[in-house]
Amino acid sequence: MKQTLLDLLRSVDTPTVCNAIEVAQGKRGFNAFTRGTMLCSDPDAKPIVGYARTAKIAAVNPPTESPEVIRERRMDYYRHMATGTGPAVTVVEDLDYPDCIGAYWGEINTTVHKGFGISGALTNGVMRDLGDLPDDFPVVAGSIGPSHGFVHVREIGTPVSIFGLEVQNGDLVHADRHGALVIPPEVVDQLEQAILKLLETEKLILAPARAAGFDFEAFEAAWAAFEASRT
């Protein structure tokens, strides 16, 4: 990914990227995004942008495998998170959803992942230690809770599902307080120009609407220019 595109993606919210993907595709109907309301540990943080490093966890019940197997898989998990193409985002599916109890994302785990150079975490599971999480490592999660339960890693690098969004290991993800999406590979080369075009197009309606004396006639003229710019 070009640095200019990465910088741009980090400067705009996820709804803007969602719209820009449709600009790049030349049609409506893009649907690779989360459904429902998610929670963000730091709503004012910059968006999470990166290539997905996926895993699955569970926490309601104790693991049935031996402690040695669980420890080895946990280390394999951290090795997976610490290596690979960057920028990166951790995407973890909690298999207990919708009855998740295990807050995998607390002060220690977020600090470790930030140390690995990861830009943030996306999960349908639980986060905790709000107020103690490191700066510049937002977590977009399904819920907040106090306990880690019997949290343990089940799978590493496999496809995951987060609030209806299917994510493959290595997918390019954009996430913020609105939720998350996967950027289709075929639009990456066009996405920078699509975002810039979208921002310029929106000014045609936003600038008049924010100006003094805005009325229906001004709206009608602005909307006509806005519509013409999108065709």
C-alpha atoms as a PDB file:
ATOM      1  CA  MET A   1       0.000   0.000   0.000  1.00  0.00           C
ATOM      2  CA  LYS A   2       1.299   3.458  -0.898  1.00  0.00           C
ATOM      3  CA  GLN A   3       2.129   5.705   2.052  1.00  0.00           C
ATOM      4  CA  THR A   4      -0.099   8.464   0.657  1.00  0.00           C
ATOM      5  CA  LEU A   5      -3.081   6.095   0.638  1.00  0.00           C
ATOM      6  CA  LEU A   6      -2.287   4.845   4.138  1.00  0.00           C
ATOM      7  CA  ASP A   7      -2.070   8.415   5.459  1.00  0.00           C
ATOM      8  CA  LEU A   8      -5.347   9.289   3.758  1.00  0.00           C
ATOM      9  CA  LEU A   9      -7.128   6.218   5.124  1.00  0.00           C
ATOM     10  CA  ARG A  10      -5.954   7.145   8.615  1.00  0.00           C
ATOM     11  CA  SER A  11      -7.393  10.640   8.203  1.00  0.00           C
ATOM     12  CA  VAL A  12     -10.969   9.733   7.189  1.00  0.00           C
ATOM     13  CA  ASP A  13     -13.685   7.795   8.992  1.00  0.00           C
ATOM     14  CA  THR A  14     -15.027   4.401   8.016  1.00  0.00           C
ATOM     15  CA  PRO A  15     -18.295   5.743   6.514  1.00  0.00           C
ATOM     16  CA  THR A  16     -16.205   7.890   4.153  1.00  0.00           C
ATOM     17  CA  VAL A  17     -14.221   4.843   3.058  1.00  0.00           C
ATOM     18  CA  CYS A  18     -17.458   2.883   2.635  1.00  0.00           C
ATOM     19  CA  ASN A  19     -18.810   5.573   0.295  1.00  0.00           C
ATOM     20  CA  ALA A  20     -15.493   5.941  -1.534  1.00  0.00           C
ATOM     21  CA  ILE A  21     -15.395   2.221  -2.304  1.00  0.00           C
ATOM     22  CA  GLU A  22     -18.723   2.637  -4.097  1.00  0.00           C
ATOM     23  CA  VAL A  23     -17.270   5.618  -5.991  1.00  0.00           C
ATOM     24  CA  ALA A  24     -14.356   3.419  -7.069  1.00  0.00           C
ATOM     25  CA  GLN A  25     -16.718   0.587  -8.020  1.00  0.00           C
ATOM     26  CA  GLY A  26     -19.027   2.975  -9.871  1.00  0.00           C
ATOM     27  CA  LYS A  27     -22.164   1.628  -8.210  1.00  0.00           C
ATOM     28  CA  ARG A  28     -23.978   1.206  -4.928  1.00  0.00           C
ATOM     29  CA  GLY A  29     -24.216  -2.125  -3.149  1.00  0.00           C
ATOM     30  CA  PHE A  30     -20.855  -2.580  -1.388  1.00  0.00           C
ATOM     31  CA  ASN A  31     -21.658  -4.765   1.622  1.00  0.00           C
ATOM     32  CA  ALA A  32     -18.411  -5.955   3.251  1.00  0.00           C
ATOM     33  CA  PHE A  33     -19.020  -4.116   6.519  1.00  0.00           C
ATOM     34  CA  THR A  34     -20.127  -4.881  10.084  1.00  0.00           C
ATOM     35  CA  ARG A  35     -23.771  -4.871  11.111  1.00  0.00           C
ATOM     36  CA  GLY A  36     -25.130  -3.553  14.390  1.00  0.00           C
ATOM     37  CA  THR A  37     -23.632  -1.259  16.998  1.00  0.00           C
ATOM     38  CA  MET A  38     -20.050  -1.811  18.100  1.00  0.00           C
ATOM     39  CA  LEU A  39     -18.120  -0.056  20.881  1.00  0.00           C
ATOM     40  CA  CYS A  40     -14.798   1.772  20.534  1.00  0.00           C
ATOM     41  CA  SER A  41     -12.356   2.087  23.435  1.00  0.00           C
ATOM     42  CA  ASP A  42     -11.289   5.526  22.161  1.00  0.00           C
ATOM     43  CA  PRO A  43     -13.940   7.134  19.938  1.00  0.00           C
ATOM     44  CA  ASP A  44     -11.635  10.089  19.210  1.00  0.00           C
ATOM     45  CA  ALA A  45      -8.726   7.939  18.031  1.00  0.00           C
ATOM     46  CA  LYS A  46      -7.632   7.785  14.424  1.00  0.00           C
ATOM     47  CA  PRO A  47      -9.118   4.882  12.452  1.00  0.00           C
ATOM     48  CA  ILE A  48      -7.554   1.448  12.575  1.00  0.00           C
ATOM     49  CA  VAL A  49      -6.030   0.612   9.187  1.00  0.00           C
ATOM     50  CA  GLY A  50      -4.119  -2.535   8.360  1.00  0.00           C
ATOM     51  CA  TYR A  51      -3.898  -6.047   7.010  1.00  0.00           C
ATOM     52  CA  ALA A  52      -5.834  -8.498   9.173  1.00  0.00           C
ATOM     53  CA  ARG A  53      -4.079 -10.961  11.430  1.00  0.00           C
ATOM     54  CA  THR A  54      -6.902 -13.239  12.433  1.00  0.00           C
ATOM     55  CA  ALA A  55      -7.598 -15.620  15.290  1.00  0.00           C
ATOM     56  CA  LYS A  56     -10.441 -17.189  17.257  1.00  0.00           C
ATOM     57  CA  ILE A  57     -10.829 -17.378  21.025  1.00  0.00           C
ATOM     58  CA  ALA A  58     -13.328 -18.718  23.569  1.00  0.00           C
ATOM     59  CA  ALA A  59     -13.758 -18.056  27.284  1.00  0.00           C
ATOM     60  CA  VAL A  60     -17.085 -19.255  28.709  1.00  0.00           C
ATOM     61  CA  ASN A  61     -15.842 -22.794  29.329  1.00  0.00           C
ATOM     62  CA  PRO A  62     -12.375 -24.036  30.332  1.00  0.00           C
ATOM     63  CA  PRO A  63     -10.294 -25.491  27.501  1.00  0.00           C
ATOM     64  CA  THR A  64     -10.517 -29.252  27.107  1.00  0.00           C
ATOM     65  CA  GLU A  65      -7.003 -29.630  25.681  1.00  0.00           C
ATOM     66  CA  SER A  66      -3.916 -30.015  27.832  1.00  0.00           C
ATOM     67  CA  PRO A  67      -2.277 -26.933  29.382  1.00  0.00           C
ATOM     68  CA  GLU A  68       0.806 -27.615  27.248  1.00  0.00           C
ATOM     69  CA  VAL A  69      -1.229 -27.474  24.013  1.00  0.00           C
ATOM     70  CA  ILE A  70      -2.984 -24.287  25.123  1.00  0.00           C
ATOM     71  CA  ARG A  71       0.302 -22.582  26.046  1.00  0.00           C
ATOM     72  CA  GLU A  72       1.937 -23.597  22.760  1.00  0.00           C
ATOM     73  CA  ARG A  73      -0.998 -22.284  20.753  1.00  0.00           C
ATOM     74  CA  ARG A  74      -0.939 -19.021  22.726  1.00  0.00           C
ATOM     75  CA  MET A  75       2.725 -18.555  21.810  1.00  0.00           C
ATOM     76  CA  ASP A  76       1.961 -19.397  18.187  1.00  0.00           C
ATOM     77  CA  TYR A  77      -0.760 -16.749  18.337  1.00  0.00           C
ATOM     78  CA  TYR A  78       1.661 -14.070  19.541  1.00  0.00           C
ATOM     79  CA  ARG A  79       4.213 -15.133  16.932  1.00  0.00           C
ATOM     80  CA  HIS A  80       1.507 -14.712  14.284  1.00  0.00           C
ATOM     81  CA  MET A  81       0.648 -11.249  15.601  1.00  0.00           C
ATOM     82  CA  ALA A  82       4.288 -10.160  15.778  1.00  0.00           C
ATOM     83  CA  THR A  83       5.214 -11.073  12.200  1.00  0.00           C
ATOM     84  CA  GLY A  84       3.914 -10.457   8.702  1.00  0.00           C
ATOM     85  CA  THR A  85       3.023  -7.642   6.349  1.00  0.00           C
ATOM     86  CA  GLY A  86       2.317  -4.244   7.892  1.00  0.00           C
ATOM     87  CA  PRO A  87       0.501  -2.151   8.729  1.00  0.00           C
ATOM     88  CA  ALA A  88      -1.560  -4.688  10.619  1.00  0.00           C
ATOM     89  CA  VAL A  89      -4.777  -4.960  12.607  1.00  0.00           C
ATOM     90  CA  THR A  90      -5.674  -7.819  14.914  1.00  0.00           C
ATOM     91  CA  VAL A  91      -9.081  -9.323  14.110  1.00  0.00           C
ATOM     92  CA  VAL A  92     -10.278 -11.830  16.712  1.00  0.00           C
ATOM     93  CA  GLU A  93     -13.570 -13.695  16.682  1.00  0.00           C
ATOM     94  CA  ASP A  94     -14.927 -14.776  20.059  1.00  0.00           C
ATOM     95  CA  LEU A  95     -16.646 -18.108  19.459  1.00  0.00           C
ATOM     96  CA  ASP A  96     -18.889 -17.530  22.485  1.00  0.00           C
ATOM     97  CA  TYR A  97     -20.748 -14.716  20.698  1.00  0.00           C
ATOM     98  CA  PRO A  98     -23.403 -13.513  21.497  1.00  0.00           C
ATOM     99  CA  ASP A  99     -22.713 -14.687  25.060  1.00  0.00           C
ATOM    100  CA  CYS A 100     -19.114 -13.484  25.309  1.00  0.00           C
ATOM    101  CA  ILE A 101     -17.679 -13.001  28.795  1.00  0.00           C
ATOM    102  CA  GLY A 102     -13.899 -13.139  28.331  1.00  0.00           C
ATOM    103  CA  ALA A 103     -12.287  -9.691  28.114  1.00  0.00           C
ATOM    104  CA  TYR A 104      -9.284 -10.627  26.004  1.00  0.00           C
ATOM    105  CA  TRP A 105      -8.577  -6.963  25.317  1.00  0.00           C
ATOM    106  CA  GLY A 106      -7.316  -5.380  28.548  1.00  0.00           C
ATOM    107  CA  GLU A 107      -4.314  -3.278  29.497  1.00  0.00           C
ATOM    108  CA  ILE A 108      -1.700  -6.030  29.160  1.00  0.00           C
ATOM    109  CA  ASN A 109      -2.826  -7.584  25.881  1.00  0.00           C
ATOM    110  CA  THR A 110      -3.396  -4.263  24.124  1.00  0.00           C
ATOM    111  CA  THR A 111       0.023  -3.023  25.238  1.00  0.00           C
ATOM    112  CA  VAL A 112       1.680  -6.189  23.915  1.00  0.00           C
ATOM    113  CA  HIS A 113      -0.066  -5.884  20.541  1.00  0.00           C
ATOM    114  CA  LYS A 114       0.780  -2.200  20.265  1.00  0.00           C
ATOM    115  CA  GLY A 115       4.402  -3.138  20.976  1.00  0.00           C
ATOM    116  CA  PHE A 116       4.252  -5.487  18.004  1.00  0.00           C
ATOM    117  CA  GLY A 117       3.411  -2.467  15.827  1.00  0.00           C
ATOM    118  CA  ILE A 118      -0.247  -3.364  15.311  1.00  0.00           C
ATOM    119  CA  SER A 119      -2.588  -0.398  14.781  1.00  0.00           C
ATOM    120  CA  GLY A 120      -5.576  -1.684  16.770  1.00  0.00           C
ATOM    121  CA  ALA A 121      -7.962  -4.561  17.382  1.00  0.00           C
ATOM    122  CA  LEU A 122     -11.341  -5.563  15.973  1.00  0.00           C
ATOM    123  CA  THR A 123     -13.423  -8.159  17.802  1.00  0.00           C
ATOM    124  CA  ASN A 124     -16.969  -9.306  18.425  1.00  0.00           C
ATOM    125  CA  GLY A 125     -15.826 -10.065  21.963  1.00  0.00           C
ATOM    126  CA  VAL A 126     -15.127  -8.177  25.167  1.00  0.00           C
ATOM    127  CA  MET A 127     -12.757  -5.397  26.220  1.00  0.00           C
ATOM    128  CA  ARG A 128     -11.939  -4.032  29.696  1.00  0.00           C
ATOM    129  CA  ASP A 129      -9.510  -1.753  31.585  1.00  0.00           C
ATOM    130  CA  LEU A 130     -10.994   1.298  29.885  1.00  0.00           C
ATOM    131  CA  GLY A 131      -8.903   4.303  30.858  1.00  0.00           C
ATOM    132  CA  ASP A 132      -5.781   2.161  31.162  1.00  0.00           C
ATOM    133  CA  LEU A 133      -5.439   1.021  27.546  1.00  0.00           C
ATOM    134  CA  PRO A 134      -2.463   2.468  25.646  1.00  0.00           C
ATOM    135  CA  ASP A 135      -2.877   5.567  23.504  1.00  0.00           C
ATOM    136  CA  ASP A 136      -3.135   5.088  19.737  1.00  0.00           C
ATOM    137  CA  PHE A 137      -4.356   1.512  20.013  1.00  0.00           C
ATOM    138  CA  PRO A 138      -8.144   1.608  19.672  1.00  0.00           C
ATOM    139  CA  VAL A 139     -10.207  -1.512  20.229  1.00  0.00           C
ATOM    140  CA  VAL A 140     -13.498  -1.864  18.349  1.00  0.00           C
ATOM    141  CA  ALA A 141     -15.396  -4.521  20.273  1.00  0.00           C
ATOM    142  CA  GLY A 142     -18.771  -6.112  20.809  1.00  0.00           C
ATOM    143  CA  SER A 143     -19.039  -5.419  24.534  1.00  0.00           C
ATOM    144  CA  ILE A 144     -17.371  -4.313  27.771  1.00  0.00           C
ATOM    145  CA  GLY A 145     -16.942  -6.577  30.790  1.00  0.00           C
ATOM    146  CA  PRO A 146     -14.815  -7.122  33.911  1.00  0.00           C
ATOM    147  CA  SER A 147     -13.610 -10.733  33.609  1.00  0.00           C
ATOM    148  CA  HIS A 148     -11.248 -12.699  31.388  1.00  0.00           C
ATOM    149  CA  GLY A 149     -13.197 -15.906  32.052  1.00  0.00           C
ATOM    150  CA  PHE A 150     -11.375 -18.978  30.736  1.00  0.00           C
ATOM    151  CA  VAL A 151     -10.095 -17.135  27.673  1.00  0.00           C
ATOM    152  CA  HIS A 152      -7.906 -19.214  25.376  1.00  0.00           C
ATOM    153  CA  VAL A 153      -6.934 -19.247  21.708  1.00  0.00           C
ATOM    154  CA  ARG A 154      -8.733 -21.765  19.515  1.00  0.00           C
ATOM    155  CA  GLU A 155      -7.533 -20.978  15.970  1.00  0.00           C
ATOM    156  CA  ILE A 156      -4.870 -18.834  14.304  1.00  0.00           C
ATOM    157  CA  GLY A 157      -4.941 -17.337  10.826  1.00  0.00           C
ATOM    158  CA  THR A 158      -8.341 -18.768   9.860  1.00  0.00           C
ATOM    159  CA  PRO A 159     -11.290 -16.799   8.427  1.00  0.00           C
ATOM    160  CA  VAL A 160     -13.331 -14.995  11.090  1.00  0.00           C
ATOM    161  CA  SER A 161     -16.757 -13.372  11.333  1.00  0.00           C
ATOM    162  CA  ILE A 162     -17.209 -10.070  13.181  1.00  0.00           C
ATOM    163  CA  PHE A 163     -20.766  -8.708  13.376  1.00  0.00           C
ATOM    164  CA  GLY A 164     -21.595 -10.132   9.975  1.00  0.00           C
ATOM    165  CA  LEU A 165     -18.288  -9.100   8.373  1.00  0.00           C
ATOM    166  CA  GLU A 166     -16.270 -12.002   6.998  1.00  0.00           C
ATOM    167  CA  VAL A 167     -12.527 -11.351   7.288  1.00  0.00           C
ATOM    168  CA  GLN A 168      -9.751 -13.443   5.783  1.00  0.00           C
ATOM    169  CA  ASN A 169      -6.237 -13.344   7.163  1.00  0.00           C
ATOM    170  CA  GLY A 170      -4.442 -10.635   5.169  1.00  0.00           C
ATOM    171  CA  ASP A 171      -7.554  -8.647   4.211  1.00  0.00           C
ATOM    172  CA  LEU A 172      -7.201  -4.860   4.277  1.00  0.00           C
ATOM    173  CA  VAL A 173      -9.388  -3.570   7.127  1.00  0.00           C
ATOM    174  CA  HIS A 174     -10.596  -0.072   8.054  1.00  0.00           C
ATOM    175  CA  ALA A 175     -12.341   0.393  11.412  1.00  0.00           C
ATOM    176  CA  ASP A 176     -13.416   3.124  13.806  1.00  0.00           C
ATOM    177  CA  ARG A 177     -16.268   3.936  16.199  1.00  0.00           C
ATOM    178  CA  HIS A 178     -18.789   3.230  13.415  1.00  0.00           C
ATOM    179  CA  GLY A 179     -17.647  -0.367  12.891  1.00  0.00           C
ATOM    180  CA  ALA A 180     -15.413  -1.923  10.269  1.00  0.00           C
ATOM    181  CA  LEU A 181     -15.122  -2.906   6.632  1.00  0.00           C
ATOM    182  CA  VAL A 182     -12.873  -4.893   4.323  1.00  0.00           C
ATOM    183  CA  ILE A 183     -11.460  -2.953   1.367  1.00  0.00           C
ATOM    184  CA  PRO A 184     -11.779  -5.019  -1.839  1.00  0.00           C
ATOM    185  CA  PRO A 185      -8.336  -5.622  -3.414  1.00  0.00           C
ATOM    186  CA  GLU A 186      -9.557  -4.528  -6.845  1.00  0.00           C
ATOM    187  CA  VAL A 187     -10.269  -0.949  -5.692  1.00  0.00           C
ATOM    188  CA  VAL A 188      -7.051  -0.278  -3.757  1.00  0.00           C
ATOM    189  CA  ASP A 189      -5.285   1.398  -6.684  1.00  0.00           C
ATOM    190  CA  GLN A 190      -8.291   3.686  -7.272  1.00  0.00           C
ATOM    191  CA  LEU A 191      -9.208   4.356  -3.649  1.00  0.00           C
ATOM    192  CA  GLU A 192      -7.054   7.413  -3.041  1.00  0.00           C
ATOM    193  CA  GLN A 193      -8.604   9.316  -5.944  1.00  0.00           C
ATOM    194  CA  ALA A 194     -12.063   8.036  -5.014  1.00  0.00           C
ATOM    195  CA  ILE A 195     -11.755   9.416  -1.478  1.00  0.00           C
ATOM    196  CA  LEU A 196     -10.495  12.781  -2.720  1.00  0.00           C
ATOM    197  CA  LYS A 197     -13.310  12.986  -5.277  1.00  0.00           C
ATOM    198  CA  LEU A 198     -15.880  12.114  -2.617  1.00  0.00           C
ATOM    199  CA  LEU A 199     -14.608  14.805  -0.241  1.00  0.00           C
ATOM    200  CA  GLU A 200     -14.711  17.437  -2.973  1.00  0.00           C
ATOM    201  CA  THR A 201     -18.192  16.378  -4.041  1.00  0.00           C
ATOM    202  CA  GLU A 202     -19.525  16.610  -0.497  1.00  0.00           C
ATOM    203  CA  LYS A 203     -18.315  20.212  -0.227  1.00  0.00           C
ATOM    204  CA  LEU A 204     -20.822  21.172  -2.931  1.00  0.00           C
ATOM    205  CA  ILE A 205     -23.682  20.555  -0.513  1.00  0.00           C
ATOM    206  CA  LEU A 206     -21.980  21.027   2.855  1.00  0.00           C
ATOM    207  CA  ALA A 207     -20.505  24.463   2.183  1.00  0.00           C
ATOM    208  CA  PRO A 208     -23.825  26.096   1.173  1.00  0.00           C
ATOM    209  CA  ALA A 209     -25.683  24.304   3.994  1.00  0.00           C
ATOM    210  CA  ARG A 210     -23.270  25.784   6.544  1.00  0.00           C
ATOM    211  CA  ALA A 211     -23.397  29.303   5.081  1.00  0.00           C
ATOM    212  CA  ALA A 212     -25.589  32.089   6.448  1.00  0.00           C
ATOM    213  CA  GLY A 213     -28.881  32.564   4.642  1.00  0.00           C
ATOM    214  CA  PHE A 214     -29.205  28.974   3.483  1.00  0.00           C
ATOM    215  CA  ASP A 215     -32.737  28.324   2.269  1.00  0.00           C
ATOM    216  CA  PHE A 216     -34.604  25.998  -0.055  1.00  0.00           C
ATOM    217  CA  GLU A 217     -33.510  27.842  -3.212  1.00  0.00           C
ATOM    218  CA  ALA A 218     -29.872  27.621  -2.141  1.00  0.00           C
ATOM    219  CA  PHE A 219     -30.371  23.973  -1.289  1.00  0.00           C
ATOM    220  CA  GLU A 220     -31.981  23.263  -4.655  1.00  0.00           C
ATOM    221  CA  ALA A 221     -29.065  24.810  -6.554  1.00  0.00           C
ATOM    222  CA  ALA A 222     -26.478  23.095  -4.344  1.00  0.00           C
ATOM    223  CA  TRP A 223     -28.217  19.736  -4.647  1.00  0.00           C
ATOM    224  CA  ALA A 224     -28.315  20.002  -8.434  1.00  0.00           C
ATOM    225  CA  ALA A 225     -24.556  20.618  -8.494  1.00  0.00           C
ATOM    226  CA  PHE A 226     -24.054  17.804  -5.997  1.00  0.00           C
ATOM    227  CA  GLU A 227     -26.096  15.337  -8.054  1.00  0.00           C
ATOM    228  CA  ALA A 228     -24.365  16.347 -11.321  1.00  0.00           C
ATOM    229  CA  SER A 229     -20.940  15.781  -9.796  1.00  0.00           C
ATOM    230  CA  ARG A 230     -21.835  12.213  -8.845  1.00  0.00           C
ATOM    231  CA  THR A 231     -22.966  11.111 -12.319  1.00  0.00           C
END
